[in-house]
């Protein structure tokens, strides 16, 4: 069945397989570095054609620097509680709206400013159920109970790679 008959056969088999396994391991490393280079160069705003001959160490250093420059909140260590997550999402949307609304000029500037101010006040005490400590729009309207939704997957935090050794 191909099983070694003697201890010497097993040693010979290992000896002959070692170069093949090493070649595969190096090919995997090189392929991963090639993919990493293709991902990191656009994120850094650099042309791939200009950086066609980067050393492996350069690719890794660029990646490490890029990841170190990322804000700590982009890869949270612990999952935020639902109310915190709601507030963070509300504030993120408000920040985006603050940039986009004046630029698109869909609303009159005075109306746009009033809307943004109202949303900022709401963000100060926003809760997932729509109520707030200082509700500026009168009593909250009754809302149906929230339907249970599966929680979205957490953003990848790049856990350590699995290695067979």
N, C-alpha and C. Protein backbone atom coordinates (compact mmCIF):
# COMPACT_ATOMS: atom_id res chain seq x y z
N UNK A 1 0.80 -1.20 0.00
CA UNK A 1 0.00 0.00 0.00
C UNK A 1 0.84 1.26 0.00
N UNK A 2 2.11 1.14 -0.19
CA UNK A 2 2.96 2.30 -0.20
C UNK A 2 3.49 2.66 1.17
N UNK A 3 3.19 1.87 2.19
CA UNK A 3 3.71 2.14 3.52
C UNK A 3 5.16 1.70 3.57
N UNK A 4 5.98 2.44 4.30
CA UNK A 4 7.39 2.03 4.37
C UNK A 4 7.51 0.69 5.08
N UNK A 5 8.38 -0.14 4.55
CA UNK A 5 8.57 -1.47 5.13
C UNK A 5 9.66 -1.43 6.19
N UNK A 6 10.58 -0.52 6.05
CA UNK A 6 11.65 -0.41 7.02
C UNK A 6 11.74 1.04 7.48
N UNK A 7 12.44 1.23 8.56
CA UNK A 7 12.63 2.58 9.08
C UNK A 7 13.44 3.41 8.10
N UNK A 8 14.32 2.80 7.37
CA UNK A 8 15.15 3.48 6.39
C UNK A 8 14.32 4.03 5.24
N UNK A 9 13.25 3.30 4.86
CA UNK A 9 12.38 3.77 3.79
C UNK A 9 11.67 5.07 4.18
N UNK A 10 11.23 5.17 5.43
CA UNK A 10 10.54 6.37 5.90
C UNK A 10 11.50 7.56 5.88
N UNK A 11 12.72 7.33 6.30
CA UNK A 11 13.70 8.41 6.31
C UNK A 11 14.01 8.87 4.89
N UNK A 12 14.11 7.91 3.97
CA UNK A 12 14.36 8.26 2.57
C UNK A 12 13.19 9.03 1.98
N UNK A 13 11.98 8.63 2.34
CA UNK A 13 10.78 9.32 1.85
C UNK A 13 10.78 10.76 2.35
N UNK A 14 11.05 10.96 3.64
CA UNK A 14 11.10 12.32 4.19
C UNK A 14 12.17 13.15 3.49
N UNK A 15 13.29 12.51 3.26
CA UNK A 15 14.42 13.19 2.62
C UNK A 15 14.06 13.64 1.20
N UNK A 16 13.32 12.81 0.49
CA UNK A 16 12.96 13.16 -0.89
C UNK A 16 11.80 14.15 -0.94
N UNK A 17 10.92 14.14 0.07
CA UNK A 17 9.78 15.06 0.09
C UNK A 17 10.15 16.45 0.59
N UNK A 18 11.20 16.56 1.40
CA UNK A 18 11.54 17.85 2.00
C UNK A 18 11.76 18.95 0.97
N UNK A 19 12.51 18.73 -0.10
CA UNK A 19 12.67 19.81 -1.09
C UNK A 19 11.35 20.20 -1.77
N UNK A 20 10.49 19.22 -1.99
CA UNK A 20 9.19 19.52 -2.61
C UNK A 20 8.32 20.35 -1.68
N UNK A 21 8.30 19.98 -0.40
CA UNK A 21 7.51 20.74 0.56
C UNK A 21 8.06 22.16 0.72
N UNK A 22 9.37 22.29 0.73
CA UNK A 22 9.98 23.62 0.84
C UNK A 22 9.66 24.46 -0.39
N UNK A 23 9.68 23.85 -1.55
CA UNK A 23 9.35 24.58 -2.78
C UNK A 23 7.91 25.07 -2.75
N UNK A 24 7.00 24.24 -2.28
CA UNK A 24 5.59 24.64 -2.16
C UNK A 24 5.42 25.77 -1.15
N UNK A 25 6.12 25.67 -0.03
CA UNK A 25 6.02 26.68 1.01
C UNK A 25 6.50 28.03 0.47
N UNK A 26 7.63 28.03 -0.22
CA UNK A 26 8.15 29.27 -0.80
C UNK A 26 7.21 29.83 -1.86
N UNK A 27 6.60 28.96 -2.65
CA UNK A 27 5.65 29.42 -3.67
C UNK A 27 4.44 30.08 -3.01
N UNK A 28 3.97 29.50 -1.90
CA UNK A 28 2.85 30.11 -1.17
C UNK A 28 3.23 31.48 -0.62
N UNK A 29 4.41 31.58 -0.06
CA UNK A 29 4.88 32.86 0.47
C UNK A 29 4.97 33.90 -0.64
N UNK A 30 5.56 33.52 -1.76
CA UNK A 30 5.70 34.46 -2.87
C UNK A 30 4.35 34.89 -3.43
N UNK A 31 3.43 33.96 -3.53
CA UNK A 31 2.09 34.30 -4.03
C UNK A 31 1.38 35.24 -3.06
N UNK A 32 1.50 34.99 -1.78
CA UNK A 32 0.87 35.87 -0.79
C UNK A 32 1.49 37.26 -0.82
N UNK A 33 2.80 37.35 -0.98
CA UNK A 33 3.47 38.64 -1.08
C UNK A 33 3.04 39.38 -2.34
N UNK A 34 2.85 38.65 -3.42
CA UNK A 34 2.38 39.26 -4.67
C UNK A 34 0.98 39.85 -4.47
N UNK A 35 0.10 39.09 -3.82
CA UNK A 35 -1.25 39.59 -3.54
C UNK A 35 -1.21 40.79 -2.60
N UNK A 36 -0.36 40.71 -1.58
CA UNK A 36 -0.23 41.81 -0.62
C UNK A 36 0.25 43.08 -1.32
N UNK A 37 1.19 42.94 -2.21
CA UNK A 37 1.69 44.09 -2.98
C UNK A 37 0.56 44.69 -3.81
N UNK A 38 -0.25 43.83 -4.45
CA UNK A 38 -1.37 44.31 -5.25
C UNK A 38 -2.43 45.01 -4.42
N UNK A 39 -2.55 44.65 -3.15
CA UNK A 39 -3.53 45.29 -2.27
C UNK A 39 -3.00 46.58 -1.67
N UNK A 40 -1.73 46.58 -1.27
CA UNK A 40 -1.21 47.71 -0.50
C UNK A 40 -0.85 48.91 -1.38
N UNK A 41 -0.34 48.69 -2.58
CA UNK A 41 0.06 49.82 -3.42
C UNK A 41 -1.10 50.76 -3.73
N UNK A 42 -2.27 50.26 -4.14
CA UNK A 42 -3.39 51.20 -4.38
C UNK A 42 -3.83 51.92 -3.10
N UNK A 43 -3.76 51.25 -1.96
CA UNK A 43 -4.15 51.89 -0.71
C UNK A 43 -3.20 53.03 -0.34
N UNK A 44 -1.95 52.90 -0.76
CA UNK A 44 -0.97 53.94 -0.49
C UNK A 44 -0.94 55.00 -1.60
N UNK A 45 -1.75 54.78 -2.64
CA UNK A 45 -1.81 55.73 -3.75
C UNK A 45 -0.59 55.67 -4.65
N UNK A 46 -0.03 54.51 -4.80
CA UNK A 46 1.16 54.36 -5.64
C UNK A 46 0.83 53.49 -6.84
N UNK A 47 1.51 53.76 -7.95
CA UNK A 47 1.29 53.01 -9.18
C UNK A 47 2.01 51.66 -9.11
N UNK A 48 1.28 50.62 -9.48
CA UNK A 48 1.88 49.28 -9.46
C UNK A 48 3.01 49.16 -10.48
N UNK A 49 2.85 49.81 -11.63
CA UNK A 49 3.86 49.67 -12.69
C UNK A 49 5.20 50.29 -12.26
N UNK A 50 5.13 51.32 -11.43
CA UNK A 50 6.35 51.99 -10.99
C UNK A 50 7.08 51.17 -9.92
N UNK A 51 6.35 50.32 -9.23
CA UNK A 51 6.92 49.51 -8.15
C UNK A 51 6.90 48.03 -8.52
N UNK A 52 7.30 47.72 -9.75
CA UNK A 52 7.24 46.33 -10.20
C UNK A 52 8.30 45.45 -9.54
N UNK A 53 9.42 46.04 -9.13
CA UNK A 53 10.51 45.26 -8.54
C UNK A 53 10.73 45.67 -7.09
N UNK A 54 9.80 45.34 -6.23
CA UNK A 54 9.97 45.60 -4.80
C UNK A 54 10.50 44.34 -4.12
N UNK A 55 11.37 44.54 -3.18
CA UNK A 55 11.84 43.39 -2.40
C UNK A 55 10.73 42.96 -1.44
N UNK A 56 10.79 41.73 -1.03
CA UNK A 56 9.78 41.20 -0.11
C UNK A 56 9.75 42.00 1.18
N UNK A 57 10.91 42.37 1.68
CA UNK A 57 10.98 43.15 2.92
C UNK A 57 10.32 44.51 2.73
N UNK A 58 10.47 45.12 1.55
CA UNK A 58 9.84 46.42 1.28
C UNK A 58 8.31 46.30 1.33
N UNK A 59 7.80 45.25 0.74
CA UNK A 59 6.34 45.04 0.74
C UNK A 59 5.84 44.89 2.17
N UNK A 60 6.56 44.10 2.95
CA UNK A 60 6.14 43.90 4.34
C UNK A 60 6.25 45.19 5.15
N UNK A 61 7.32 45.95 4.95
CA UNK A 61 7.47 47.22 5.68
C UNK A 61 6.38 48.21 5.31
N UNK A 62 6.05 48.30 4.02
CA UNK A 62 4.98 49.21 3.59
C UNK A 62 3.66 48.81 4.23
N UNK A 63 3.40 47.53 4.30
CA UNK A 63 2.16 47.04 4.89
C UNK A 63 2.11 47.34 6.38
N UNK A 64 3.21 47.11 7.08
CA UNK A 64 3.26 47.38 8.51
C UNK A 64 3.02 48.86 8.77
N UNK A 65 3.70 49.73 8.01
CA UNK A 65 3.50 51.18 8.19
C UNK A 65 2.06 51.59 7.91
N UNK A 66 1.47 51.01 6.86
CA UNK A 66 0.07 51.34 6.53
C UNK A 66 -0.86 50.94 7.66
N UNK A 67 -0.66 49.74 8.19
CA UNK A 67 -1.53 49.26 9.27
C UNK A 67 -1.32 50.06 10.55
N UNK A 68 -0.11 50.49 10.82
CA UNK A 68 0.15 51.30 12.01
C UNK A 68 -0.50 52.68 11.89
N UNK A 69 -0.62 53.19 10.67
CA UNK A 69 -1.23 54.51 10.46
C UNK A 69 -2.75 54.47 10.54
N UNK A 70 -3.33 53.29 10.48
CA UNK A 70 -4.79 53.18 10.54
C UNK A 70 -5.26 53.53 11.94
N UNK A 71 -6.42 54.21 12.03
CA UNK A 71 -6.95 54.53 13.37
C UNK A 71 -7.27 53.25 14.12
N UNK A 72 -7.09 53.30 15.42
CA UNK A 72 -7.32 52.11 16.26
C UNK A 72 -8.76 51.66 16.18
N UNK A 73 -9.72 52.55 15.93
CA UNK A 73 -11.12 52.19 15.93
C UNK A 73 -11.52 51.39 14.70
N UNK A 74 -10.67 51.34 13.65
CA UNK A 74 -11.04 50.61 12.45
C UNK A 74 -10.97 49.10 12.65
N UNK A 75 -10.31 48.66 13.70
CA UNK A 75 -10.22 47.23 13.98
C UNK A 75 -10.38 47.05 15.49
N UNK A 76 -11.63 47.12 15.97
CA UNK A 76 -11.83 47.10 17.42
C UNK A 76 -11.42 45.77 18.03
N UNK A 77 -10.88 45.84 19.23
CA UNK A 77 -10.47 44.63 19.95
C UNK A 77 -11.69 43.90 20.50
N UNK A 78 -12.61 44.64 21.09
CA UNK A 78 -13.80 44.02 21.66
C UNK A 78 -15.01 44.57 20.93
N UNK A 79 -16.00 43.73 20.73
CA UNK A 79 -17.21 44.16 20.03
C UNK A 79 -17.96 45.17 20.89
N UNK A 80 -18.37 46.30 20.30
CA UNK A 80 -19.11 47.29 21.08
C UNK A 80 -20.50 46.77 21.41
N UNK A 81 -21.05 47.28 22.51
CA UNK A 81 -22.41 46.89 22.88
C UNK A 81 -23.37 47.50 21.87
N UNK A 82 -24.56 46.93 21.70
CA UNK A 82 -25.50 47.46 20.70
C UNK A 82 -25.78 48.96 20.83
N UNK A 83 -26.02 49.52 22.04
CA UNK A 83 -26.24 50.97 22.08
C UNK A 83 -25.01 51.77 21.64
N UNK A 84 -23.81 51.31 22.04
CA UNK A 84 -22.60 52.00 21.61
C UNK A 84 -22.44 51.90 20.10
N UNK A 85 -22.73 50.73 19.55
CA UNK A 85 -22.63 50.53 18.12
C UNK A 85 -23.59 51.45 17.39
N UNK A 86 -24.80 51.60 17.93
CA UNK A 86 -25.79 52.47 17.31
C UNK A 86 -25.29 53.91 17.31
N UNK A 87 -24.78 54.37 18.46
CA UNK A 87 -24.28 55.75 18.56
C UNK A 87 -23.12 55.98 17.60
N UNK A 88 -22.21 55.02 17.54
CA UNK A 88 -21.06 55.15 16.64
C UNK A 88 -21.53 55.23 15.19
N UNK A 89 -22.48 54.39 14.83
CA UNK A 89 -23.02 54.42 13.47
C UNK A 89 -23.72 55.73 13.16
N UNK A 90 -24.49 56.23 14.12
CA UNK A 90 -25.20 57.50 13.95
C UNK A 90 -24.20 58.62 13.73
N UNK A 91 -23.16 58.64 14.56
CA UNK A 91 -22.15 59.70 14.44
C UNK A 91 -21.37 59.59 13.13
N UNK A 92 -21.08 58.37 12.71
CA UNK A 92 -20.37 58.19 11.45
C UNK A 92 -21.22 58.69 10.28
N UNK A 93 -22.51 58.38 10.32
CA UNK A 93 -23.41 58.86 9.26
C UNK A 93 -23.50 60.38 9.29
N UNK A 94 -23.56 60.95 10.48
CA UNK A 94 -23.64 62.41 10.61
C UNK A 94 -22.37 63.06 10.05
N UNK A 95 -21.21 62.49 10.35
CA UNK A 95 -19.97 63.04 9.81
C UNK A 95 -19.98 63.00 8.29
N UNK A 96 -20.42 61.90 7.73
CA UNK A 96 -20.45 61.77 6.27
C UNK A 96 -21.45 62.76 5.67
N UNK A 97 -22.60 62.88 6.30
CA UNK A 97 -23.62 63.81 5.83
C UNK A 97 -23.13 65.25 5.92
N UNK A 98 -22.36 65.56 6.94
CA UNK A 98 -21.81 66.91 7.11
C UNK A 98 -20.89 67.26 5.94
N UNK A 99 -20.18 66.28 5.41
CA UNK A 99 -19.31 66.54 4.25
C UNK A 99 -20.11 66.56 2.95
N UNK A 100 -21.06 65.65 2.80
CA UNK A 100 -21.74 65.47 1.52
C UNK A 100 -22.85 66.48 1.29
N UNK A 101 -23.65 66.77 2.30
CA UNK A 101 -24.83 67.62 2.13
C UNK A 101 -24.49 69.00 1.57
N UNK A 102 -23.53 69.72 2.13
CA UNK A 102 -23.21 71.03 1.54
C UNK A 102 -22.63 70.91 0.12
N UNK A 103 -21.90 69.85 -0.14
CA UNK A 103 -21.25 69.70 -1.45
C UNK A 103 -22.26 69.41 -2.55
N UNK A 104 -23.31 68.65 -2.25
CA UNK A 104 -24.25 68.28 -3.31
C UNK A 104 -25.27 69.38 -3.59
N UNK A 105 -25.46 70.30 -2.68
CA UNK A 105 -26.34 71.47 -2.86
C UNK A 105 -27.75 71.09 -3.28
N UNK A 106 -28.30 70.05 -2.69
CA UNK A 106 -29.67 69.65 -2.95
C UNK A 106 -30.63 70.54 -2.17
N UNK A 107 -30.22 70.91 -0.97
CA UNK A 107 -31.06 71.75 -0.11
C UNK A 107 -30.52 73.17 -0.07
N UNK A 108 -31.40 74.08 0.28
CA UNK A 108 -31.00 75.46 0.53
C UNK A 108 -29.97 75.44 1.67
N UNK A 109 -28.91 76.23 1.61
CA UNK A 109 -27.89 76.21 2.65
C UNK A 109 -28.44 76.42 4.06
N UNK A 110 -29.45 77.27 4.22
CA UNK A 110 -30.03 77.51 5.55
C UNK A 110 -30.73 76.25 6.04
N UNK A 111 -31.47 75.58 5.16
CA UNK A 111 -32.17 74.35 5.54
C UNK A 111 -31.16 73.27 5.86
N UNK A 112 -30.13 73.19 5.05
CA UNK A 112 -29.08 72.20 5.28
C UNK A 112 -28.43 72.41 6.65
N UNK A 113 -28.13 73.66 6.98
CA UNK A 113 -27.50 73.96 8.27
C UNK A 113 -28.44 73.60 9.42
N UNK A 114 -29.74 73.92 9.28
CA UNK A 114 -30.71 73.58 10.34
C UNK A 114 -30.81 72.06 10.52
N UNK A 115 -30.85 71.35 9.41
CA UNK A 115 -30.94 69.89 9.47
C UNK A 115 -29.71 69.31 10.17
N UNK A 116 -28.54 69.76 9.78
CA UNK A 116 -27.33 69.24 10.40
C UNK A 116 -27.27 69.57 11.89
N UNK A 117 -27.70 70.76 12.26
CA UNK A 117 -27.72 71.14 13.67
C UNK A 117 -28.69 70.26 14.45
N UNK A 118 -29.85 70.01 13.87
CA UNK A 118 -30.83 69.13 14.52
C UNK A 118 -30.25 67.72 14.71
N UNK A 119 -29.60 67.21 13.68
CA UNK A 119 -29.02 65.87 13.78
C UNK A 119 -27.88 65.82 14.79
N UNK A 120 -27.11 66.90 14.89
CA UNK A 120 -26.04 66.95 15.90
C UNK A 120 -26.62 66.91 17.31
N UNK A 121 -27.71 67.66 17.51
CA UNK A 121 -28.35 67.65 18.85
C UNK A 121 -28.89 66.25 19.15
N UNK A 122 -29.47 65.62 18.16
CA UNK A 122 -29.99 64.27 18.35
C UNK A 122 -28.86 63.28 18.64
N UNK A 123 -27.71 63.49 18.01
CA UNK A 123 -26.58 62.58 18.20
C UNK A 123 -26.07 62.64 19.63
N UNK A 124 -26.26 63.76 20.28
CA UNK A 124 -25.77 63.90 21.65
C UNK A 124 -26.47 62.93 22.59
N UNK A 125 -27.70 62.58 22.30
CA UNK A 125 -28.42 61.65 23.18
C UNK A 125 -29.14 60.56 22.42
N UNK A 126 -28.63 60.18 21.25
CA UNK A 126 -29.30 59.19 20.42
C UNK A 126 -29.25 57.81 21.05
N UNK A 127 -30.37 57.08 20.93
CA UNK A 127 -30.45 55.70 21.41
C UNK A 127 -31.04 54.84 20.30
N UNK A 128 -30.84 53.52 20.35
CA UNK A 128 -31.35 52.66 19.28
C UNK A 128 -32.85 52.71 19.12
N UNK A 129 -33.61 52.98 20.19
CA UNK A 129 -35.07 52.96 20.07
C UNK A 129 -35.62 54.28 19.54
N UNK A 130 -34.76 55.23 19.21
CA UNK A 130 -35.22 56.49 18.63
C UNK A 130 -35.45 57.56 19.67
N UNK A 131 -35.46 57.22 20.95
CA UNK A 131 -35.66 58.21 22.00
C UNK A 131 -34.34 58.81 22.39
N UNK A 132 -34.40 59.86 23.22
CA UNK A 132 -33.16 60.45 23.72
C UNK A 132 -33.47 61.17 25.02
N UNK A 133 -32.41 61.48 25.75
CA UNK A 133 -32.59 62.17 27.02
C UNK A 133 -33.21 63.54 26.80
N UNK A 134 -32.77 64.26 25.82
CA UNK A 134 -33.33 65.58 25.52
C UNK A 134 -33.98 65.55 24.16
N UNK A 135 -35.12 64.90 24.04
CA UNK A 135 -35.78 64.76 22.75
C UNK A 135 -36.31 66.11 22.30
N UNK A 136 -35.82 66.61 21.19
CA UNK A 136 -36.16 67.94 20.72
C UNK A 136 -37.37 67.95 19.80
N UNK A 137 -37.94 66.83 19.51
CA UNK A 137 -39.06 66.77 18.57
C UNK A 137 -40.35 66.38 19.26
N UNK A 138 -40.47 66.58 20.52
CA UNK A 138 -41.68 66.18 21.22
C UNK A 138 -41.60 64.74 21.64
N UNK A 139 -42.71 64.19 22.10
CA UNK A 139 -42.69 62.81 22.57
C UNK A 139 -42.40 61.85 21.42
N UNK A 140 -41.66 60.79 21.72
CA UNK A 140 -41.35 59.84 20.65
C UNK A 140 -42.60 59.09 20.21
N UNK A 141 -42.64 58.79 18.92
CA UNK A 141 -43.76 58.03 18.38
C UNK A 141 -43.61 56.58 18.80
N UNK A 142 -44.74 55.89 19.05
CA UNK A 142 -44.61 54.47 19.38
C UNK A 142 -44.04 53.73 18.18
N UNK A 143 -43.12 52.87 18.47
CA UNK A 143 -42.52 52.11 17.38
C UNK A 143 -42.72 50.63 17.63
N UNK A 144 -42.83 49.86 16.56
CA UNK A 144 -42.99 48.42 16.74
C UNK A 144 -41.72 47.85 17.34
N UNK A 145 -41.85 46.75 18.08
CA UNK A 145 -40.63 46.15 18.65
C UNK A 145 -39.68 45.76 17.54
N UNK A 146 -38.40 45.98 17.75
CA UNK A 146 -37.44 45.65 16.70
C UNK A 146 -37.41 44.15 16.44
N UNK A 147 -37.39 43.83 15.16
CA UNK A 147 -37.31 42.42 14.78
C UNK A 147 -35.90 41.92 15.06
N UNK A 148 -35.78 40.71 15.59
CA UNK A 148 -34.43 40.20 15.85
C UNK A 148 -33.69 40.05 14.53
N UNK A 149 -32.55 40.68 14.47
CA UNK A 149 -31.73 40.60 13.27
C UNK A 149 -30.41 39.95 13.62
N UNK A 150 -29.90 39.14 12.72
CA UNK A 150 -28.58 38.56 13.00
C UNK A 150 -27.55 39.67 13.02
N UNK A 151 -26.64 39.56 13.97
CA UNK A 151 -25.62 40.60 14.07
C UNK A 151 -24.69 40.49 12.87
N UNK A 152 -24.30 41.64 12.31
CA UNK A 152 -23.40 41.60 11.16
C UNK A 152 -22.04 41.10 11.60
N UNK A 153 -21.32 40.47 10.67
CA UNK A 153 -19.99 39.97 11.05
C UNK A 153 -19.08 41.13 11.37
N UNK A 154 -18.21 40.91 12.35
CA UNK A 154 -17.25 41.94 12.75
C UNK A 154 -16.26 42.14 11.62
N UNK A 155 -15.73 43.36 11.47
CA UNK A 155 -14.72 43.56 10.43
C UNK A 155 -13.52 42.69 10.71
N UNK A 156 -12.90 42.20 9.65
CA UNK A 156 -11.76 41.31 9.88
C UNK A 156 -10.63 42.05 10.58
N UNK A 157 -10.10 41.41 11.60
CA UNK A 157 -8.99 42.01 12.35
C UNK A 157 -7.70 41.30 12.04
N UNK A 158 -7.71 40.53 11.00
CA UNK A 158 -6.51 39.83 10.58
C UNK A 158 -5.90 39.00 11.69
N UNK A 159 -6.61 37.93 12.12
CA UNK A 159 -6.02 37.08 13.15
C UNK A 159 -4.78 36.41 12.59
N UNK A 160 -3.98 35.87 13.46
CA UNK A 160 -2.75 35.21 13.03
C UNK A 160 -3.03 34.10 12.05
N UNK A 161 -2.14 33.89 11.13
CA UNK A 161 -2.31 32.85 10.14
C UNK A 161 -2.10 31.49 10.78
N UNK A 162 -2.84 30.52 10.33
CA UNK A 162 -2.66 29.16 10.80
C UNK A 162 -1.42 28.59 10.13
N UNK A 163 -0.61 27.99 10.92
CA UNK A 163 0.58 27.35 10.38
C UNK A 163 0.64 25.92 10.92
N UNK A 164 1.08 25.00 10.12
CA UNK A 164 1.07 23.61 10.57
C UNK A 164 2.16 23.26 11.56
N UNK A 165 3.02 24.17 11.89
CA UNK A 165 4.10 23.84 12.84
C UNK A 165 3.92 24.53 14.14
